Amino acid sequence: MEQVDRDLLDWIAAATDDPALAAQIAAAEVKKRDFLRTGFLVYFARNDAAPPVPAGVRPVCPHLASPELMDGAGCDLFLRDGRLHYLEVYARGGFMPEKLESYRLVAEPLL
């Protein structure tokens, strides 16, 4: 798992009040990572041993501020059947470097 992936997941875990989501994030294992030039997708191995996340839980996700990105980036964490499925990270305008070196996570996008 790349450092930016781990930082995003840790931020989401700290922002949730759902223990099942936090537990799944703590145990998350990457199955596949796809770089798309405008962002990337991180797919997770299904963890059937962890308690499922209740259907009404919506992960709160940070924004990425970086001098390497024209207008920053956003992310979304997707669940399937109460399990981590994938993390999508997308640049807002322009491209994203394959290895993002300098960034900070913020609650609101910087305008």
PDB file of N, CA and C in Angstrom:
ATOM      1  N   MET A   1       0.849  -1.172   0.000  1.00  0.00           N
ATOM      2  CA  MET A   1       0.000   0.000   0.000  1.00  0.00           C
ATOM      3  C   MET A   1       0.897   1.239   0.000  1.00  0.00           C
ATOM      4  N   GLU A   2       0.575   2.183  -0.857  1.00  0.00           N
ATOM      5  CA  GLU A   2       1.330   3.430  -0.926  1.00  0.00           C
ATOM      6  C   GLU A   2       1.043   4.272   0.322  1.00  0.00           C
ATOM      7  N   GLN A   3       1.952   5.165   0.660  1.00  0.00           N
ATOM      8  CA  GLN A   3       1.773   6.011   1.846  1.00  0.00           C
ATOM      9  C   GLN A   3       0.521   6.876   1.744  1.00  0.00           C
ATOM     10  N   VAL A   4       0.256   7.434   0.578  1.00  0.00           N
ATOM     11  CA  VAL A   4      -0.937   8.269   0.423  1.00  0.00           C
ATOM     12  C   VAL A   4      -2.206   7.435   0.668  1.00  0.00           C
ATOM     13  N   ASP A   5      -2.221   6.189   0.230  1.00  0.00           N
ATOM     14  CA  ASP A   5      -3.373   5.311   0.477  1.00  0.00           C
ATOM     15  C   ASP A   5      -3.591   5.128   1.979  1.00  0.00           C
ATOM     16  N   ARG A   6      -2.509   4.804   2.688  1.00  0.00           N
ATOM     17  CA  ARG A   6      -2.594   4.579   4.137  1.00  0.00           C
ATOM     18  C   ARG A   6      -3.022   5.858   4.846  1.00  0.00           C
ATOM     19  N   ASP A   7      -2.479   7.010   4.441  1.00  0.00           N
ATOM     20  CA  ASP A   7      -2.848   8.275   5.077  1.00  0.00           C
ATOM     21  C   ASP A   7      -4.332   8.585   4.868  1.00  0.00           C
ATOM     22  N   LEU A   8      -4.831   8.344   3.665  1.00  0.00           N
ATOM     23  CA  LEU A   8      -6.253   8.578   3.388  1.00  0.00           C
ATOM     24  C   LEU A   8      -7.127   7.666   4.244  1.00  0.00           C
ATOM     25  N   LEU A   9      -6.786   6.396   4.291  1.00  0.00           N
ATOM     26  CA  LEU A   9      -7.574   5.452   5.088  1.00  0.00           C
ATOM     27  C   LEU A   9      -7.537   5.800   6.572  1.00  0.00           C
ATOM     28  N   ASP A  10      -6.367   6.171   7.076  1.00  0.00           N
ATOM     29  CA  ASP A  10      -6.263   6.553   8.492  1.00  0.00           C
ATOM     30  C   ASP A  10      -7.116   7.785   8.790  1.00  0.00           C
ATOM     31  N   TRP A  11      -7.146   8.751   7.873  1.00  0.00           N
ATOM     32  CA  TRP A  11      -7.958   9.956   8.047  1.00  0.00           C
ATOM     33  C   TRP A  11      -9.436   9.580   8.107  1.00  0.00           C
ATOM     34  N   ILE A  12      -9.872   8.716   7.178  1.00  0.00           N
ATOM     35  CA  ILE A  12     -11.275   8.276   7.136  1.00  0.00           C
ATOM     36  C   ILE A  12     -11.635   7.523   8.413  1.00  0.00           C
ATOM     37  N   ALA A  13     -10.740   6.651   8.884  1.00  0.00           N
ATOM     38  CA  ALA A  13     -10.993   5.893  10.117  1.00  0.00           C
ATOM     39  C   ALA A  13     -11.133   6.830  11.311  1.00  0.00           C
ATOM     40  N   ALA A  14     -10.294   7.863  11.372  1.00  0.00           N
ATOM     41  CA  ALA A  14     -10.360   8.816  12.482  1.00  0.00           C
ATOM     42  C   ALA A  14     -11.627   9.661  12.426  1.00  0.00           C
ATOM     43  N   ALA A  15     -12.190   9.839  11.232  1.00  0.00           N
ATOM     44  CA  ALA A  15     -13.377  10.683  11.066  1.00  0.00           C
ATOM     45  C   ALA A  15     -14.684   9.924  11.291  1.00  0.00           C
ATOM     46  N   THR A  16     -14.622   8.596  11.352  1.00  0.00           N
ATOM     47  CA  THR A  16     -15.857   7.824  11.499  1.00  0.00           C
ATOM     48  C   THR A  16     -16.147   7.531  12.969  1.00  0.00           C
ATOM     49  N   ASP A  17     -17.427   7.351  13.252  1.00  0.00           N
ATOM     50  CA  ASP A  17     -17.803   6.898  14.591  1.00  0.00           C
ATOM     51  C   ASP A  17     -18.295   5.445  14.533  1.00  0.00           C
ATOM     52  N   ASP A  18     -18.056   4.784  13.387  1.00  0.00           N
ATOM     53  CA  ASP A  18     -18.475   3.399  13.230  1.00  0.00           C
ATOM     54  C   ASP A  18     -17.295   2.458  13.480  1.00  0.00           C
ATOM     55  N   PRO A  19     -17.363   1.652  14.528  1.00  0.00           N
ATOM     56  CA  PRO A  19     -16.231   0.756  14.846  1.00  0.00           C
ATOM     57  C   PRO A  19     -15.974  -0.305  13.778  1.00  0.00           C
ATOM     58  N   ALA A  20     -17.009  -0.760  13.075  1.00  0.00           N
ATOM     59  CA  ALA A  20     -16.803  -1.775  12.029  1.00  0.00           C
ATOM     60  C   ALA A  20     -15.997  -1.195  10.870  1.00  0.00           C
ATOM     61  N   LEU A  21     -16.303   0.037  10.468  1.00  0.00           N
ATOM     62  CA  LEU A  21     -15.548   0.672   9.399  1.00  0.00           C
ATOM     63  C   LEU A  21     -14.100   0.897   9.825  1.00  0.00           C
ATOM     64  N   ALA A  22     -13.907   1.405  11.034  1.00  0.00           N
ATOM     65  CA  ALA A  22     -12.544   1.638  11.533  1.00  0.00           C
ATOM     66  C   ALA A  22     -11.756   0.323  11.592  1.00  0.00           C
ATOM     67  N   ALA A  23     -12.389  -0.767  12.011  1.00  0.00           N
ATOM     68  CA  ALA A  23     -11.713  -2.064  12.100  1.00  0.00           C
ATOM     69  C   ALA A  23     -11.333  -2.589  10.716  1.00  0.00           C
ATOM     70  N   GLN A  24     -12.229  -2.446   9.759  1.00  0.00           N
ATOM     71  CA  GLN A  24     -11.911  -2.901   8.406  1.00  0.00           C
ATOM     72  C   GLN A  24     -10.776  -2.091   7.795  1.00  0.00           C
ATOM     73  N   ILE A  25     -10.777  -0.782   8.045  1.00  0.00           N
ATOM     74  CA  ILE A  25      -9.698   0.068   7.535  1.00  0.00           C
ATOM     75  C   ILE A  25      -8.362  -0.348   8.158  1.00  0.00           C
ATOM     76  N   ALA A  26      -8.360  -0.623   9.453  1.00  0.00           N
ATOM     77  CA  ALA A  26      -7.120  -1.014  10.142  1.00  0.00           C
ATOM     78  C   ALA A  26      -6.546  -2.303   9.568  1.00  0.00           C
ATOM     79  N   ALA A  27      -7.408  -3.196   9.121  1.00  0.00           N
ATOM     80  CA  ALA A  27      -6.963  -4.497   8.608  1.00  0.00           C
ATOM     81  C   ALA A  27      -6.911  -4.548   7.076  1.00  0.00           C
ATOM     82  N   ALA A  28      -7.118  -3.417   6.405  1.00  0.00           N
ATOM     83  CA  ALA A  28      -7.227  -3.395   4.944  1.00  0.00           C
ATOM     84  C   ALA A  28      -5.963  -3.917   4.262  1.00  0.00           C
ATOM     85  N   GLU A  29      -6.176  -4.760   3.266  1.00  0.00           N
ATOM     86  CA  GLU A  29      -5.101  -5.284   2.432  1.00  0.00           C
ATOM     87  C   GLU A  29      -5.422  -4.966   0.974  1.00  0.00           C
ATOM     88  N   VAL A  30      -4.450  -4.421   0.278  1.00  0.00           N
ATOM     89  CA  VAL A  30      -4.645  -4.056  -1.121  1.00  0.00           C
ATOM     90  C   VAL A  30      -4.577  -5.298  -1.996  1.00  0.00           C
ATOM     91  N   LYS A  31      -5.582  -5.442  -2.841  1.00  0.00           N
ATOM     92  CA  LYS A  31      -5.607  -6.531  -3.816  1.00  0.00           C
ATOM     93  C   LYS A  31      -5.011  -6.049  -5.139  1.00  0.00           C
ATOM     94  N   LYS A  32      -5.308  -4.792  -5.506  1.00  0.00           N
ATOM     95  CA  LYS A  32      -4.845  -4.248  -6.780  1.00  0.00           C
ATOM     96  C   LYS A  32      -4.889  -2.731  -6.702  1.00  0.00           C
ATOM     97  N   ARG A  33      -3.955  -2.065  -7.408  1.00  0.00           N
ATOM     98  CA  ARG A  33      -3.922  -0.601  -7.466  1.00  0.00           C
ATOM     99  C   ARG A  33      -3.757  -0.207  -8.921  1.00  0.00           C
ATOM    100  N   ASP A  34      -4.682   0.603  -9.426  1.00  0.00           N
ATOM    101  CA  ASP A  34      -4.638   1.040 -10.816  1.00  0.00           C
ATOM    102  C   ASP A  34      -4.421   2.546 -10.880  1.00  0.00           C
ATOM    103  N   PHE A  35      -3.345   2.959 -11.561  1.00  0.00           N
ATOM    104  CA  PHE A  35      -3.084   4.376 -11.802  1.00  0.00           C
ATOM    105  C   PHE A  35      -3.769   4.758 -13.113  1.00  0.00           C
ATOM    106  N   LEU A  36      -4.519   5.871 -13.105  1.00  0.00           N
ATOM    107  CA  LEU A  36      -5.325   6.257 -14.262  1.00  0.00           C
ATOM    108  C   LEU A  36      -4.907   7.587 -14.888  1.00  0.00           C
ATOM    109  N   ARG A  37      -3.783   8.148 -14.515  1.00  0.00           N
ATOM    110  CA  ARG A  37      -3.274   9.455 -14.951  1.00  0.00           C
ATOM    111  C   ARG A  37      -4.043  10.626 -14.337  1.00  0.00           C
ATOM    112  N   THR A  38      -5.334  10.509 -14.136  1.00  0.00           N
ATOM    113  CA  THR A  38      -6.102  11.560 -13.463  1.00  0.00           C
ATOM    114  C   THR A  38      -6.417  11.159 -12.027  1.00  0.00           C
ATOM    115  N   GLY A  39      -5.846  10.062 -11.590  1.00  0.00           N
ATOM    116  CA  GLY A  39      -6.079   9.558 -10.242  1.00  0.00           C
ATOM    117  C   GLY A  39      -5.719   8.088 -10.167  1.00  0.00           C
ATOM    118  N   PHE A  40      -6.290   7.415  -9.179  1.00  0.00           N
ATOM    119  CA  PHE A  40      -6.026   5.986  -9.050  1.00  0.00           C
ATOM    120  C   PHE A  40      -7.145   5.314  -8.267  1.00  0.00           C
ATOM    121  N   LEU A  41      -7.226   3.997  -8.438  1.00  0.00           N
ATOM    122  CA  LEU A  41      -8.181   3.151  -7.728  1.00  0.00           C
ATOM    123  C   LEU A  41      -7.390   2.136  -6.925  1.00  0.00           C
ATOM    124  N   VAL A  42      -7.777   1.947  -5.671  1.00  0.00           N
ATOM    125  CA  VAL A  42      -7.147   0.961  -4.806  1.00  0.00           C
ATOM    126  C   VAL A  42      -8.234  -0.044  -4.416  1.00  0.00           C
ATOM    127  N   TYR A  43      -8.088  -1.273  -4.884  1.00  0.00           N
ATOM    128  CA  TYR A  43      -9.059  -2.325  -4.580  1.00  0.00           C
ATOM    129  C   TYR A  43      -8.571  -3.126  -3.376  1.00  0.00           C
ATOM    130  N   PHE A  44      -9.501  -3.456  -2.490  1.00  0.00           N
ATOM    131  CA  PHE A  44      -9.151  -4.158  -1.263  1.00  0.00           C
ATOM    132  C   PHE A  44      -9.580  -5.618  -1.301  1.00  0.00           C
ATOM    133  N   ALA A  45      -8.781  -6.464  -0.671  1.00  0.00           N
ATOM    134  CA  ALA A  45      -9.154  -7.866  -0.489  1.00  0.00           C
ATOM    135  C   ALA A  45     -10.350  -7.903   0.459  1.00  0.00           C
ATOM    136  N   ARG A  46     -11.308  -8.733   0.158  1.00  0.00           N
ATOM    137  CA  ARG A  46     -12.505  -8.842   1.002  1.00  0.00           C
ATOM    138  C   ARG A  46     -12.134  -9.508   2.323  1.00  0.00           C
ATOM    139  N   ASN A  47     -12.575  -8.899   3.429  1.00  0.00           N
ATOM    140  CA  ASN A  47     -12.276  -9.422   4.757  1.00  0.00           C
ATOM    141  C   ASN A  47     -13.577  -9.912   5.400  1.00  0.00           C
ATOM    142  N   ASP A  48     -13.897 -11.172   5.189  1.00  0.00           N
ATOM    143  CA  ASP A  48     -15.144 -11.725   5.729  1.00  0.00           C
ATOM    144  C   ASP A  48     -15.083 -11.953   7.233  1.00  0.00           C
ATOM    145  N   ALA A  49     -13.895 -11.928   7.825  1.00  0.00           N
ATOM    146  CA  ALA A  49     -13.762 -12.131   9.271  1.00  0.00           C
ATOM    147  C   ALA A  49     -14.162 -10.885  10.057  1.00  0.00           C
ATOM    148  N   ALA A  50     -14.112  -9.727   9.432  1.00  0.00           N
ATOM    149  CA  ALA A  50     -14.445  -8.462  10.118  1.00  0.00           C
ATOM    150  C   ALA A  50     -15.953  -8.258  10.117  1.00  0.00           C
ATOM    151  N   PRO A  51     -16.479  -7.597  11.163  1.00  0.00           N
ATOM    152  CA  PRO A  51     -17.916  -7.302  11.166  1.00  0.00           C
ATOM    153  C   PRO A  51     -18.268  -6.383  10.001  1.00  0.00           C
ATOM    154  N   PRO A  52     -19.444  -6.572   9.380  1.00  0.00           N
ATOM    155  CA  PRO A  52     -19.829  -5.716   8.264  1.00  0.00           C
ATOM    156  C   PRO A  52     -20.178  -4.293   8.734  1.00  0.00           C
ATOM    157  N   VAL A  53     -19.959  -3.346   7.858  1.00  0.00           N
ATOM    158  CA  VAL A  53     -20.325  -1.956   8.118  1.00  0.00           C
ATOM    159  C   VAL A  53     -21.823  -1.830   7.858  1.00  0.00           C
ATOM    160  N   PRO A  54     -22.589  -1.243   8.785  1.00  0.00           N
ATOM    161  CA  PRO A  54     -24.031  -1.086   8.566  1.00  0.00           C
ATOM    162  C   PRO A  54     -24.330  -0.290   7.296  1.00  0.00           C
ATOM    163  N   ALA A  55     -25.462  -0.599   6.672  1.00  0.00           N
ATOM    164  CA  ALA A  55     -25.825  -0.015   5.376  1.00  0.00           C
ATOM    165  C   ALA A  55     -25.883   1.510   5.387  1.00  0.00           C
ATOM    166  N   GLY A  56     -26.271   2.133   6.485  1.00  0.00           N
ATOM    167  CA  GLY A  56     -26.415   3.586   6.514  1.00  0.00           C
ATOM    168  C   GLY A  56     -25.128   4.367   6.708  1.00  0.00           C
ATOM    169  N   VAL A  57     -24.016   3.693   6.928  1.00  0.00           N
ATOM    170  CA  VAL A  57     -22.748   4.389   7.187  1.00  0.00           C
ATOM    171  C   VAL A  57     -22.158   4.883   5.878  1.00  0.00           C
ATOM    172  N   ARG A  58     -21.831   6.179   5.839  1.00  0.00           N
ATOM    173  CA  ARG A  58     -21.188   6.795   4.675  1.00  0.00           C
ATOM    174  C   ARG A  58     -19.840   7.356   5.114  1.00  0.00           C
ATOM    175  N   PRO A  59     -18.743   6.814   4.598  1.00  0.00           N
ATOM    176  CA  PRO A  59     -17.429   7.309   5.004  1.00  0.00           C
ATOM    177  C   PRO A  59     -17.242   8.790   4.649  1.00  0.00           C
ATOM    178  N   VAL A  60     -16.684   9.534   5.583  1.00  0.00           N
ATOM    179  CA  VAL A  60     -16.323  10.928   5.342  1.00  0.00           C
ATOM    180  C   VAL A  60     -14.894  10.913   4.815  1.00  0.00           C
ATOM    181  N   CYS A  61     -14.694  11.515   3.646  1.00  0.00           N
ATOM    182  CA  CYS A  61     -13.388  11.436   2.985  1.00  0.00           C
ATOM    183  C   CYS A  61     -12.741  12.808   2.880  1.00  0.00           C
ATOM    184  N   PRO A  62     -11.416  12.863   2.994  1.00  0.00           N
ATOM    185  CA  PRO A  62     -10.704  14.138   2.921  1.00  0.00           C
ATOM    186  C   PRO A  62     -10.450  14.580   1.481  1.00  0.00           C
ATOM    187  N   HIS A  63      -9.956  15.768   1.370  1.00  0.00           N
ATOM    188  CA  HIS A  63      -9.464  16.313   0.104  1.00  0.00           C
ATOM    189  C   HIS A  63      -7.949  16.380   0.217  1.00  0.00           C
ATOM    190  N   LEU A  64      -7.277  16.329  -0.915  1.00  0.00           N
ATOM    191  CA  LEU A  64      -5.820  16.419  -0.942  1.00  0.00           C
ATOM    192  C   LEU A  64      -5.415  17.775  -1.502  1.00  0.00           C
ATOM    193  N   ALA A  65      -4.595  18.479  -0.762  1.00  0.00           N
ATOM    194  CA  ALA A  65      -4.001  19.726  -1.229  1.00  0.00           C
ATOM    195  C   ALA A  65      -2.535  19.430  -1.515  1.00  0.00           C
ATOM    196  N   SER A  66      -2.072  19.830  -2.705  1.00  0.00           N
ATOM    197  CA  SER A  66      -0.700  19.532  -3.083  1.00  0.00           C
ATOM    198  C   SER A  66      -0.216  20.496  -4.147  1.00  0.00           C
ATOM    199  N   PRO A  67       1.042  20.936  -4.047  1.00  0.00           N
ATOM    200  CA  PRO A  67       1.603  21.755  -5.121  1.00  0.00           C
ATOM    201  C   PRO A  67       1.781  20.953  -6.415  1.00  0.00           C
ATOM    202  N   GLU A  68       1.687  19.633  -6.333  1.00  0.00           N
ATOM    203  CA  GLU A  68       1.816  18.778  -7.510  1.00  0.00           C
ATOM    204  C   GLU A  68       0.509  18.652  -8.295  1.00  0.00           C
ATOM    205  N   LEU A  69      -0.578  19.192  -7.739  1.00  0.00           N
ATOM    206  CA  LEU A  69      -1.898  19.084  -8.359  1.00  0.00           C
ATOM    207  C   LEU A  69      -2.447  20.471  -8.666  1.00  0.00           C
ATOM    208  N   MET A  70      -2.992  20.638  -9.871  1.00  0.00           N
ATOM    209  CA  MET A  70      -3.491  21.941 -10.292  1.00  0.00           C
ATOM    210  C   MET A  70      -4.585  22.471  -9.354  1.00  0.00           C
ATOM    211  N   ASP A  71      -5.584  21.658  -9.077  1.00  0.00           N
ATOM    212  CA  ASP A  71      -6.708  22.075  -8.239  1.00  0.00           C
ATOM    213  C   ASP A  71      -6.991  21.106  -7.100  1.00  0.00           C
ATOM    214  N   GLY A  72      -5.977  20.409  -6.643  1.00  0.00           N
ATOM    215  CA  GLY A  72      -6.162  19.455  -5.560  1.00  0.00           C
ATOM    216  C   GLY A  72      -6.800  18.167  -6.060  1.00  0.00           C
ATOM    217  N   ALA A  73      -7.238  17.349  -5.120  1.00  0.00           N
ATOM    218  CA  ALA A  73      -7.851  16.062  -5.453  1.00  0.00           C
ATOM    219  C   ALA A  73      -8.877  15.710  -4.394  1.00  0.00           C
ATOM    220  N   GLY A  74      -9.766  14.831  -4.769  1.00  0.00           N
ATOM    221  CA  GLY A  74     -10.763  14.314  -3.838  1.00  0.00           C
ATOM    222  C   GLY A  74     -10.666  12.808  -3.794  1.00  0.00           C
ATOM    223  N   CYS A  75     -11.414  12.214  -2.892  1.00  0.00           N
ATOM    224  CA  CYS A  75     -11.433  10.748  -2.821  1.00  0.00           C
ATOM    225  C   CYS A  75     -12.769  10.276  -2.287  1.00  0.00           C
ATOM    226  N   ASP A  76     -13.080   9.050  -2.581  1.00  0.00           N
ATOM    227  CA  ASP A  76     -14.281   8.381  -2.080  1.00  0.00           C
ATOM    228  C   ASP A  76     -13.921   6.947  -1.748  1.00  0.00           C
ATOM    229  N   LEU A  77     -14.443   6.460  -0.629  1.00  0.00           N
ATOM    230  CA  LEU A  77     -14.253   5.070  -0.223  1.00  0.00           C
ATOM    231  C   LEU A  77     -15.566   4.338  -0.460  1.00  0.00           C
ATOM    232  N   PHE A  78     -15.518   3.281  -1.260  1.00  0.00           N
ATOM    233  CA  PHE A  78     -16.715   2.535  -1.617  1.00  0.00           C
ATOM    234  C   PHE A  78     -16.754   1.208  -0.877  1.00  0.00           C
ATOM    235  N   LEU A  79     -17.959   0.860  -0.432  1.00  0.00           N
ATOM    236  CA  LEU A  79     -18.210  -0.400   0.265  1.00  0.00           C
ATOM    237  C   LEU A  79     -19.117  -1.264  -0.606  1.00  0.00           C
ATOM    238  N   ARG A  80     -19.000  -2.581  -0.456  1.00  0.00           N
ATOM    239  CA  ARG A  80     -19.904  -3.511  -1.123  1.00  0.00           C
ATOM    240  C   ARG A  80     -20.301  -4.555  -0.100  1.00  0.00           C
ATOM    241  N   ASP A  81     -21.589  -4.683   0.136  1.00  0.00           N
ATOM    242  CA  ASP A  81     -22.112  -5.655   1.108  1.00  0.00           C
ATOM    243  C   ASP A  81     -21.473  -5.479   2.485  1.00  0.00           C
ATOM    244  N   GLY A  82     -21.262  -4.211   2.891  1.00  0.00           N
ATOM    245  CA  GLY A  82     -20.705  -3.933   4.210  1.00  0.00           C
ATOM    246  C   GLY A  82     -19.211  -4.145   4.337  1.00  0.00           C
ATOM    247  N   ARG A  83     -18.518  -4.307   3.221  1.00  0.00           N
ATOM    248  CA  ARG A  83     -17.071  -4.559   3.222  1.00  0.00           C
ATOM    249  C   ARG A  83     -16.366  -3.494   2.375  1.00  0.00           C
ATOM    250  N   LEU A  84     -15.120  -3.171   2.740  1.00  0.00           N
ATOM    251  CA  LEU A  84     -14.335  -2.272   1.909  1.00  0.00           C
ATOM    252  C   LEU A  84     -14.241  -2.856   0.511  1.00  0.00           C
ATOM    253  N   HIS A  85     -14.479  -2.021  -0.492  1.00  0.00           N
ATOM    254  CA  HIS A  85     -14.383  -2.492  -1.875  1.00  0.00           C
ATOM    255  C   HIS A  85     -13.234  -1.771  -2.583  1.00  0.00           C
ATOM    256  N   TYR A  86     -13.330  -0.437  -2.712  1.00  0.00           N
ATOM    257  CA  TYR A  86     -12.213   0.292  -3.308  1.00  0.00           C
ATOM    258  C   TYR A  86     -12.206   1.752  -2.886  1.00  0.00           C
ATOM    259  N   LEU A  87     -11.030   2.353  -3.002  1.00  0.00           N
ATOM    260  CA  LEU A  87     -10.791   3.766  -2.741  1.00  0.00           C
ATOM    261  C   LEU A  87     -10.495   4.417  -4.077  1.00  0.00           C
ATOM    262  N   GLU A  88     -11.240   5.468  -4.395  1.00  0.00           N
ATOM    263  CA  GLU A  88     -10.998   6.220  -5.627  1.00  0.00           C
ATOM    264  C   GLU A  88     -10.404   7.575  -5.262  1.00  0.00           C
ATOM    265  N   VAL A  89      -9.306   7.938  -5.898  1.00  0.00           N
ATOM    266  CA  VAL A  89      -8.677   9.239  -5.704  1.00  0.00           C
ATOM    267  C   VAL A  89      -8.618   9.901  -7.073  1.00  0.00           C
ATOM    268  N   TYR A  90      -9.112  11.139  -7.167  1.00  0.00           N
ATOM    269  CA  TYR A  90      -9.242  11.797  -8.469  1.00  0.00           C
ATOM    270  C   TYR A  90      -8.747  13.243  -8.399  1.00  0.00           C
ATOM    271  N   ALA A  91      -7.957  13.627  -9.394  1.00  0.00           N
ATOM    272  CA  ALA A  91      -7.469  15.000  -9.504  1.00  0.00           C
ATOM    273  C   ALA A  91      -8.617  15.884  -9.986  1.00  0.00           C
ATOM    274  N   ARG A  92      -8.630  17.101  -9.501  1.00  0.00           N
ATOM    275  CA  ARG A  92      -9.601  18.083  -9.976  1.00  0.00           C
ATOM    276  C   ARG A  92      -8.882  18.963 -11.008  1.00  0.00           C
ATOM    277  N   GLY A  93      -9.068  18.676 -12.256  1.00  0.00           N
ATOM    278  CA  GLY A  93      -8.413  19.442 -13.313  1.00  0.00           C
ATOM    279  C   GLY A  93      -6.976  19.006 -13.472  1.00  0.00           C
ATOM    280  N   GLY A  94      -6.630  18.573 -14.643  1.00  0.00           N
ATOM    281  CA  GLY A  94      -5.255  18.166 -14.893  1.00  0.00           C
ATOM    282  C   GLY A  94      -4.995  16.724 -14.492  1.00  0.00           C
ATOM    283  N   PHE A  95      -3.721  16.412 -14.438  1.00  0.00           N
ATOM    284  CA  PHE A  95      -3.297  15.049 -14.170  1.00  0.00           C
ATOM    285  C   PHE A  95      -2.718  14.928 -12.766  1.00  0.00           C
ATOM    286  N   MET A  96      -2.602  13.689 -12.330  1.00  0.00           N
ATOM    287  CA  MET A  96      -2.021  13.393 -11.028  1.00  0.00           C
ATOM    288  C   MET A  96      -0.742  12.593 -11.258  1.00  0.00           C
ATOM    289  N   PRO A  97       0.344  12.944 -10.565  1.00  0.00           N
ATOM    290  CA  PRO A  97       1.548  12.115 -10.707  1.00  0.00           C
ATOM    291  C   PRO A  97       1.303  10.711 -10.147  1.00  0.00           C
ATOM    292  N   GLU A  98       1.975   9.737 -10.718  1.00  0.00           N
ATOM    293  CA  GLU A  98       1.791   8.358 -10.265  1.00  0.00           C
ATOM    294  C   GLU A  98       2.205   8.199  -8.807  1.00  0.00           C
ATOM    295  N   LYS A  99       3.212   8.928  -8.384  1.00  0.00           N
ATOM    296  CA  LYS A  99       3.670   8.879  -6.990  1.00  0.00           C
ATOM    297  C   LYS A  99       3.578  10.291  -6.426  1.00  0.00           C
ATOM    298  N   LEU A 100       2.526  10.578  -5.706  1.00  0.00           N
ATOM    299  CA  LEU A 100       2.304  11.887  -5.106  1.00  0.00           C
ATOM    300  C   LEU A 100       3.230  12.026  -3.901  1.00  0.00           C
ATOM    301  N   GLU A 101       4.118  12.986  -3.937  1.00  0.00           N
ATOM    302  CA  GLU A 101       5.137  13.134  -2.897  1.00  0.00           C
ATOM    303  C   GLU A 101       4.765  14.128  -1.805  1.00  0.00           C
ATOM    304  N   SER A 102       4.180  15.255  -2.196  1.00  0.00           N
ATOM    305  CA  SER A 102       3.914  16.333  -1.243  1.00  0.00           C
ATOM    306  C   SER A 102       2.418  16.630  -1.218  1.00  0.00           C
ATOM    307  N   TYR A 103       1.786  16.378  -0.073  1.00  0.00           N
ATOM    308  CA  TYR A 103       0.346  16.607   0.032  1.00  0.00           C
ATOM    309  C   TYR A 103      -0.024  16.783   1.502  1.00  0.00           C
ATOM    310  N   ARG A 104      -1.197  17.342   1.698  1.00  0.00           N
ATOM    311  CA  ARG A 104      -1.789  17.340   3.031  1.00  0.00           C
ATOM    312  C   ARG A 104      -3.268  17.062   2.868  1.00  0.00           C
ATOM    313  N   LEU A 105      -3.845  16.440   3.869  1.00  0.00           N
ATOM    314  CA  LEU A 105      -5.252  16.082   3.848  1.00  0.00           C
ATOM    315  C   LEU A 105      -6.048  17.138   4.588  1.00  0.00           C
ATOM    316  N   VAL A 106      -7.126  17.597   3.969  1.00  0.00           N
ATOM    317  CA  VAL A 106      -7.941  18.658   4.551  1.00  0.00           C
ATOM    318  C   VAL A 106      -9.413  18.244   4.464  1.00  0.00           C
ATOM    319  N   ALA A 107     -10.218  18.797   5.385  1.00  0.00           N
ATOM    320  CA  ALA A 107     -11.642  18.443   5.422  1.00  0.00           C
ATOM    321  C   ALA A 107     -12.427  19.087   4.278  1.00  0.00           C
ATOM    322  N   GLU A 108     -12.029  20.260   3.856  1.00  0.00           N
ATOM    323  CA  GLU A 108     -12.730  20.990   2.803  1.00  0.00           C
ATOM    324  C   GLU A 108     -11.774  21.269   1.661  1.00  0.00           C
ATOM    325  N   PRO A 109     -12.271  21.251   0.405  1.00  0.00           N
ATOM    326  CA  PRO A 109     -11.364  21.578  -0.698  1.00  0.00           C
ATOM    327  C   PRO A 109     -10.906  23.027  -0.613  1.00  0.00           C
ATOM    328  N   LEU A 110      -9.670  23.261  -0.995  1.00  0.00           N
ATOM    329  CA  LEU A 110      -9.134  24.629  -1.018  1.00  0.00           C
ATOM    330  C   LEU A 110      -9.520  25.268  -2.333  1.00  0.00           C
ATOM    331  N   LEU A 111     -10.046  26.451  -2.265  1.00  0.00           N
ATOM    332  CA  LEU A 111     -10.462  27.145  -3.503  1.00  0.00           C
ATOM    333  C   LEU A 111      -9.529  28.259  -3.837  1.00  0.00           C
TER     334      LEU A 111
END
